[in-house]
Every structure is written in C-alpha cells, then in structure tokens.
Amino acid sequence: FSGRVLDVGCGAQPWRFMLKHCQYTGLEISDTKEKYGYRENKDIVYHDGRQFPFHVESFNYIICTEVLEHLEGPREAVCELARILAPGGRLIVSVPNDLLILRLKRWISRLGLGRCLGALSSTLAMGHLQLFTKPSLRALLAESFTVTRLFFSWPYRLNLFAVVVRDGVLLRQMAAPVPSSSTQQAARVSHVSS
C-alpha cells in the first residue's frame, strides 16, 4: 500500500501499524468513540453512518473489514466506497462467513452443547444485519467495482475476503458533493483529498 488509505470502521485501528508509510485516515461512526472508549485521534473521522465525509476520488486504497454485515444498507455504503476511491484504486473487503458459522452453531447444538453458546446459539452474531455468501458479496461489489479476487480465509473459512478495483468510470449519482454538515470533517482530512 502507498498513498492515501482509508480504514472504514477502523475501531481500535488494528491495521494502522502496518500502514505507517501511508497517509492513513480512519472512519468510524460517531457514537463508537464514547461507546467503546476510543481515544481522540486527528487521523480518525467520525460521521453519521450515511454519506462518507470525503470528496470524490479521495483515496488510493480502502480497507473495509467486518463492516458491511452491520449495515442496514450495504449497497449505499458500497456506492460511497466507489465514490471516494480513486480510479484504479483498490478496495479490500472482508465479511464473516456467517453461513458456515450458523452451520457450526447448529452442529454444536445437535451435540447437546448449545448451552455453551448462550443467546447466540442459533442467530447471527450480535449486530449482524446481513448474511453474505460468496455469490451475494460478488454481486453487491460488482455493481460498482471490478472484483479481482474473492476467497475464504484459510484454514477455517470463517471470513470471506474480496479485492476489487475501481474502474475509471464514476456514476453521476456517486459524484455528489460532500454534504455541508460534513464540511468541517472533510477539512480535517484535507491532507487526504489534496
């Protein structure tokens, strides 16, 4: 990685140490700072969870790990990712393989060990609103990107990863300006969009 990198849903920033040579910006939903006790950091932008507070084509790389399954509107988020990724830029996405995880939970329950799982015995993980399969993730991403790789983590297949590239064509609706309420946050990361 080099250039401008956005870490979507950065949380405690587990990838940051590997990206010291890049212009790193983290993006997180506003209420998470208080909810999880994250420290104030000038490279982290907090937003309302809708339109990302960045200008068109602001980033060379975007990392979006374990985020899409938490969203009511993953399609809108993918459009936003396409809007802010520069042509030829790369997006790396991961989502949990919840289909396999649900099968494992059922198997554990059939063995009589369901009590070990507690309230999570037969449902998606807490906060997960979407269940992605390989075909559904490919279809979602292919609406805005060229999918170059789609694979399960090894050896346990608990995560599904996608690497995509944004072609040079940007759809008109994706090129909407940054909303005025986000102007201050966009200015905070002017080093990213310049």
Protein backbone atom coordinates (compact mmCIF):
# COMPACT_ATOMS: atom_id res chain seq x y z
CA PHE A 1 0.00 0.00 0.00
CA SER A 2 1.09 3.53 -0.64
CA GLY A 3 -0.60 6.90 -0.89
CA ARG A 4 -3.90 7.71 0.76
CA VAL A 5 -5.53 4.86 2.69
CA LEU A 6 -8.95 4.84 4.37
CA ASP A 7 -9.76 2.30 7.08
CA VAL A 8 -13.58 2.09 7.19
CA GLY A 9 -14.96 1.01 10.55
CA CYS A 10 -11.46 1.40 11.94
CA GLY A 11 -12.43 0.83 15.58
CA ALA A 12 -9.22 0.42 17.59
CA GLN A 13 -7.23 0.64 14.31
CA PRO A 14 -5.70 -2.85 14.22
CA TRP A 15 -4.28 -2.30 10.71
CA ARG A 16 -2.68 1.07 11.41
CA PHE A 17 0.72 -0.29 12.46
CA MET A 18 1.12 -1.88 9.00
CA LEU A 19 0.24 1.38 7.25
CA LYS A 20 2.72 3.79 8.84
CA HIS A 21 4.24 4.58 5.45
CA CYS A 22 0.84 5.69 4.08
CA GLN A 23 -1.39 8.70 4.62
CA TYR A 24 -3.76 6.90 6.99
CA THR A 25 -7.31 8.03 7.76
CA GLY A 26 -9.76 6.04 9.85
CA LEU A 27 -13.53 6.33 9.53
CA GLU A 28 -15.89 5.40 12.32
CA ILE A 29 -19.50 6.07 13.33
CA SER A 30 -19.88 8.97 15.77
CA ASP A 31 -21.26 7.08 18.77
CA THR A 32 -18.47 4.48 18.84
CA LYS A 33 -15.94 6.85 20.41
CA GLU A 34 -17.93 7.09 23.64
CA LYS A 35 -19.41 3.60 23.44
CA TYR A 36 -16.04 1.83 23.20
CA GLY A 37 -13.78 4.45 24.77
CA TYR A 38 -11.64 5.17 21.72
CA ARG A 39 -9.04 7.88 22.19
CA GLU A 40 -9.24 11.15 20.29
CA ASN A 41 -7.05 10.99 17.20
CA LYS A 42 -6.60 13.62 14.50
CA ASP A 43 -6.49 10.91 11.79
CA ILE A 44 -9.90 9.48 12.69
CA VAL A 45 -13.05 10.99 11.21
CA TYR A 46 -16.37 10.31 12.90
CA HIS A 47 -19.57 10.51 10.86
CA ASP A 48 -23.30 9.84 10.96
CA GLY A 49 -23.12 6.48 9.19
CA ARG A 50 -24.64 7.66 5.91
CA GLN A 51 -22.66 9.63 3.32
CA PHE A 52 -18.93 9.48 3.92
CA PRO A 53 -17.48 12.94 4.62
CA PHE A 54 -14.85 12.84 1.88
CA HIS A 55 -14.55 14.28 -1.60
CA VAL A 56 -14.81 12.21 -4.77
CA GLU A 57 -11.75 10.07 -5.52
CA SER A 58 -10.00 10.88 -2.22
CA PHE A 59 -8.27 7.54 -1.58
CA ASN A 60 -5.92 5.13 -3.36
CA TYR A 61 -6.81 2.21 -1.07
CA ILE A 62 -9.75 1.47 1.19
CA ILE A 63 -9.89 -1.26 3.82
CA CYS A 64 -13.39 -2.26 4.92
CA THR A 65 -13.14 -5.24 7.26
CA GLU A 66 -16.13 -6.70 9.07
CA VAL A 67 -18.36 -3.68 8.41
CA LEU A 68 -20.90 -4.45 5.66
CA GLU A 69 -22.72 -7.11 7.70
CA HIS A 70 -23.59 -4.46 10.32
CA LEU A 71 -25.29 -2.10 7.88
CA GLU A 72 -28.97 -1.81 7.03
CA GLY A 73 -27.96 -0.52 3.59
CA PRO A 74 -24.74 -2.18 2.43
CA ARG A 75 -25.48 -1.19 -1.20
CA GLU A 76 -25.42 2.50 -0.26
CA ALA A 77 -22.13 2.02 1.58
CA VAL A 78 -20.59 0.29 -1.45
CA CYS A 79 -21.68 3.22 -3.64
CA GLU A 80 -20.00 5.58 -1.19
CA LEU A 81 -16.83 3.49 -1.27
CA ALA A 82 -16.84 3.69 -5.07
CA ARG A 83 -17.39 7.45 -4.93
CA ILE A 84 -14.37 8.13 -2.72
CA LEU A 85 -11.97 5.57 -4.25
CA ALA A 86 -9.71 6.94 -6.98
CA PRO A 87 -9.79 5.31 -10.45
CA GLY A 88 -7.53 2.27 -10.38
CA GLY A 89 -7.73 2.27 -6.58
CA ARG A 90 -8.18 -0.93 -4.64
CA LEU A 91 -10.76 -1.84 -2.02
CA ILE A 92 -10.26 -4.76 0.34
CA VAL A 93 -13.45 -6.05 1.98
CA SER A 94 -13.99 -8.81 4.48
CA VAL A 95 -17.22 -10.15 5.93
CA PRO A 96 -17.76 -13.10 8.26
CA ASN A 97 -18.78 -16.39 6.73
CA ASP A 98 -21.96 -16.39 8.84
CA LEU A 99 -23.48 -19.23 6.82
CA LEU A 100 -20.69 -21.54 7.97
CA ILE A 101 -20.81 -20.12 11.49
CA LEU A 102 -24.57 -20.80 11.70
CA ARG A 103 -23.99 -24.37 10.50
CA LEU A 104 -21.33 -24.85 13.18
CA LYS A 105 -23.72 -23.50 15.82
CA ARG A 106 -26.43 -25.95 14.72
CA TRP A 107 -23.92 -28.79 14.82
CA ILE A 108 -22.81 -27.80 18.33
CA SER A 109 -26.47 -27.65 19.41
CA ARG A 110 -27.17 -31.10 17.96
CA LEU A 111 -24.31 -32.45 20.06
CA GLY A 112 -26.13 -31.13 23.13
CA LEU A 113 -23.64 -28.33 23.68
CA GLY A 114 -25.92 -25.46 22.67
CA ARG A 115 -25.88 -24.06 26.22
CA CYS A 116 -22.21 -23.22 25.69
CA LEU A 117 -23.23 -20.73 23.01
CA GLY A 118 -25.77 -18.97 25.20
CA ALA A 119 -28.03 -16.46 23.45
CA LEU A 120 -26.04 -16.78 20.22
CA SER A 121 -26.93 -20.42 19.74
CA SER A 122 -29.00 -20.09 16.56
CA THR A 123 -28.76 -16.49 15.42
CA LEU A 124 -26.36 -14.27 13.58
CA ALA A 125 -23.70 -12.65 15.71
CA MET A 126 -24.79 -9.63 17.70
CA GLY A 127 -25.15 -6.60 15.47
CA HIS A 128 -25.09 -8.52 12.19
CA LEU A 129 -27.92 -7.42 9.93
CA GLN A 130 -26.72 -9.07 6.71
CA LEU A 131 -25.63 -12.58 5.85
CA PHE A 132 -23.27 -12.68 2.86
CA THR A 133 -22.43 -15.65 0.70
CA LYS A 134 -19.72 -15.68 -1.95
CA PRO A 135 -22.26 -15.03 -4.76
CA SER A 136 -24.12 -12.30 -2.86
CA LEU A 137 -20.93 -10.43 -1.93
CA ARG A 138 -19.66 -10.69 -5.51
CA ALA A 139 -22.98 -9.36 -6.86
CA LEU A 140 -23.02 -6.45 -4.42
CA LEU A 141 -19.45 -5.38 -5.18
CA ALA A 142 -19.74 -5.96 -8.95
CA GLU A 143 -22.38 -3.21 -9.15
CA SER A 144 -19.64 -0.61 -8.54
CA PHE A 145 -16.29 -2.36 -8.93
CA THR A 146 -14.37 -4.96 -10.86
CA VAL A 147 -13.92 -7.91 -8.49
CA THR A 148 -10.39 -9.24 -8.93
CA ARG A 149 -10.31 -11.81 -6.09
CA LEU A 150 -12.92 -13.38 -3.85
CA PHE A 151 -11.79 -16.04 -1.40
CA PHE A 152 -12.35 -17.57 2.02
CA SER A 153 -9.80 -17.23 4.81
CA TRP A 154 -7.58 -20.23 5.37
CA PRO A 155 -7.67 -22.70 7.04
CA TYR A 156 -11.06 -22.31 8.75
CA ARG A 157 -13.04 -20.35 6.14
CA LEU A 158 -14.56 -18.12 8.82
CA ASN A 159 -14.14 -14.95 6.74
CA LEU A 160 -14.82 -14.07 3.13
CA PHE A 161 -12.41 -11.59 1.50
CA ALA A 162 -12.78 -9.57 -1.69
CA VAL A 163 -10.24 -7.44 -3.51
CA VAL A 164 -11.76 -5.07 -6.01
CA VAL A 165 -10.58 -2.27 -8.27
CA ARG A 166 -12.48 0.83 -9.28
CA ASP A 167 -12.52 1.42 -12.99
CA GLY A 168 -12.22 4.96 -14.33
CA VAL A 169 -15.96 5.43 -14.85
CA LEU A 170 -17.75 7.14 -11.99
CA LEU A 171 -21.53 7.08 -11.99
CA ARG A 172 -23.11 10.53 -11.80
CA GLN A 173 -25.07 9.80 -8.61
CA MET A 174 -21.86 8.74 -6.88
CA ALA A 175 -20.20 12.07 -7.64
CA ALA A 176 -22.48 14.02 -5.29
CA PRO A 177 -20.69 16.73 -3.32
CA VAL A 178 -19.85 16.27 0.33
CA PRO A 179 -22.84 17.48 2.38
CA SER A 180 -22.37 20.84 4.07
CA SER A 181 -22.73 19.30 7.56
CA SER A 182 -19.58 17.32 6.83
CA THR A 183 -17.53 20.24 5.55
CA GLN A 184 -15.63 20.61 8.82
CA GLN A 185 -14.72 16.92 8.93
CA ALA A 186 -13.72 16.97 5.27
CA ALA A 187 -11.48 19.94 6.00
CA ARG A 188 -9.86 17.98 8.86
CA VAL A 189 -8.69 15.43 6.32
CA SER A 190 -7.71 17.87 3.62
CA HIS A 191 -4.33 16.15 3.52
CA VAL A 192 -6.19 13.10 2.24
CA SER A 193 -8.13 14.78 -0.55
CA SER A 194 -5.35 17.00 -1.86
